[in-house]
C-alpha atoms as a PDB file:
ATOM      1  CA  MET A   1     171.246 246.176 167.929  1.00  0.00           C
ATOM      2  CA  ALA A   2     173.216 248.440 169.166  1.00  0.00           C
ATOM      3  CA  GLY A   3     176.389 249.820 167.291  1.00  0.00           C
ATOM      4  CA  GLY A   4     177.831 248.880 163.955  1.00  0.00           C
ATOM      5  CA  GLY A   5     175.743 252.051 161.938  1.00  0.00           C
ATOM      6  CA  ILE A   6     172.530 251.694 164.050  1.00  0.00           C
ATOM      7  CA  ARG A   7     170.988 254.323 165.200  1.00  0.00           C
ATOM      8  CA  PRO A   8     171.127 254.652 169.392  1.00  0.00           C
ATOM      9  CA  GLY A   9     167.626 254.925 171.400  1.00  0.00           C
ATOM     10  CA  ILE A  10     165.192 254.518 168.396  1.00  0.00           C
ATOM     11  CA  THR A  11     161.930 252.831 168.300  1.00  0.00           C
ATOM     12  CA  HIS A  12     161.136 251.490 164.700  1.00  0.00           C
ATOM     13  CA  GLY A  13     157.073 250.805 164.081  1.00  0.00           C
ATOM     14  CA  THR A  14     154.106 250.292 166.591  1.00  0.00           C
ATOM     15  CA  THR A  15     152.827 247.092 168.048  1.00  0.00           C
ATOM     16  CA  ASP A  16     149.271 246.132 168.331  1.00  0.00           C
ATOM     17  CA  GLU A  17     147.757 246.784 172.169  1.00  0.00           C
ATOM     18  CA  LEU A  18     149.171 243.218 173.437  1.00  0.00           C
ATOM     19  CA  GLY A  19     152.887 243.727 171.281  1.00  0.00           C
ATOM     20  CA  TYR A  20     151.820 240.433 169.373  1.00  0.00           C
ATOM     21  CA  HIS A  21     151.563 241.847 166.143  1.00  0.00           C
ATOM     22  CA  ALA A  22     153.586 244.597 164.139  1.00  0.00           C
ATOM     23  CA  VAL A  23     150.945 247.123 162.968  1.00  0.00           C
ATOM     24  CA  GLU A  24     153.129 250.421 161.569  1.00  0.00           C
ATOM     25  CA  ASP A  25     156.684 249.984 159.573  1.00  0.00           C
ATOM     26  CA  ARG A  26     156.861 246.297 159.447  1.00  0.00           C
ATOM     27  CA  VAL A  27     160.130 245.072 159.173  1.00  0.00           C
ATOM     28  CA  SER A  28     160.553 240.902 157.791  1.00  0.00           C
ATOM     29  CA  VAL A  29     163.648 238.904 158.419  1.00  0.00           C
ATOM     30  CA  HIS A  30     164.628 239.054 155.151  1.00  0.00           C
ATOM     31  CA  ASP A  31     164.838 242.775 155.246  1.00  0.00           C
ATOM     32  CA  LEU A  32     166.776 242.765 158.830  1.00  0.00           C
ATOM     33  CA  HIS A  33     168.951 240.276 156.982  1.00  0.00           C
ATOM     34  CA  ALA A  34     169.579 242.725 154.098  1.00  0.00           C
ATOM     35  CA  THR A  35     170.271 245.872 156.593  1.00  0.00           C
ATOM     36  CA  ILE A  36     172.911 243.672 158.515  1.00  0.00           C
ATOM     37  CA  LEU A  37     174.450 242.878 155.247  1.00  0.00           C
ATOM     38  CA  TRP A  38     174.297 246.179 154.012  1.00  0.00           C
ATOM     39  CA  LEU A  39     176.127 247.588 156.973  1.00  0.00           C
ATOM     40  CA  LEU A  40     178.885 244.941 156.471  1.00  0.00           C
ATOM     41  CA  GLY A  41     179.394 246.712 153.400  1.00  0.00           C
ATOM     42  CA  ILE A  42     177.659 243.787 151.141  1.00  0.00           C
ATOM     43  CA  ASP A  43     174.866 244.806 148.574  1.00  0.00           C
ATOM     44  CA  SER A  44     172.129 241.611 149.090  1.00  0.00           C
ATOM     45  CA  ASP A  45     170.930 242.317 145.599  1.00  0.00           C
ATOM     46  CA  ARG A  46     173.989 241.680 143.773  1.00  0.00           C
ATOM     47  CA  PHE A  47     175.486 239.337 146.215  1.00  0.00           C
ATOM     48  CA  THR A  48     174.684 235.922 145.478  1.00  0.00           C
ATOM     49  CA  HIS A  49     175.822 232.115 145.558  1.00  0.00           C
ATOM     50  CA  PRO A  50     175.010 229.007 142.940  1.00  0.00           C
ATOM     51  CA  PHE A  51     173.038 226.220 144.445  1.00  0.00           C
ATOM     52  CA  GLN A  52     171.254 223.763 142.505  1.00  0.00           C
ATOM     53  CA  GLY A  53     172.073 225.543 139.399  1.00  0.00           C
ATOM     54  CA  LEU A  54     169.894 228.691 140.605  1.00  0.00           C
ATOM     55  CA  ASP A  55     172.026 232.273 141.792  1.00  0.00           C
ATOM     56  CA  MET A  56     170.683 232.538 145.382  1.00  0.00           C
ATOM     57  CA  LYS A  57     170.802 235.602 147.835  1.00  0.00           C
ATOM     58  CA  LEU A  58     171.523 235.621 150.636  1.00  0.00           C
ATOM     59  CA  THR A  59     168.121 236.869 151.936  1.00  0.00           C
ATOM     60  CA  GLY A  60     166.545 234.592 150.304  1.00  0.00           C
ATOM     61  CA  VAL A  61     164.136 234.703 147.392  1.00  0.00           C
ATOM     62  CA  GLU A  62     161.709 237.272 148.777  1.00  0.00           C
ATOM     63  CA  PRO A  63     162.224 240.708 148.117  1.00  0.00           C
ATOM     64  CA  SER A  64     164.314 242.647 150.460  1.00  0.00           C
ATOM     65  CA  ARG A  65     165.462 245.985 151.748  1.00  0.00           C
ATOM     66  CA  VAL A  66     167.560 248.157 153.492  1.00  0.00           C
ATOM     67  CA  VAL A  67     165.687 249.885 157.031  1.00  0.00           C
ATOM     68  CA  ARG A  68     167.488 252.898 156.417  1.00  0.00           C
ATOM     69  CA  GLU A  69     165.207 254.388 158.687  1.00  0.00           C
ATOM     70  CA  VAL A  70     167.404 252.920 162.366  1.00  0.00           C
ATOM     71  CA  LEU A  71     170.661 253.785 160.092  1.00  0.00           C
ATOM     72  CA  ALA A  72     172.866 256.354 162.107  1.00  0.00           C
END
């Protein structure tokens, strides 16, 4: 991810020796979506859409956070 408010040339988190599993500063897909929505000016916690009688968030039902460490 380059441009659009992301700091260029950074590494976020660490993996195991083989690069299979995140060890430090894990970022879920929900967190990635929340960060992209934030950069688009959308608060993922407040922006919902009705679906089968429920207010659904674009990032899913699990809690998500904006990964501020990668923002410029």
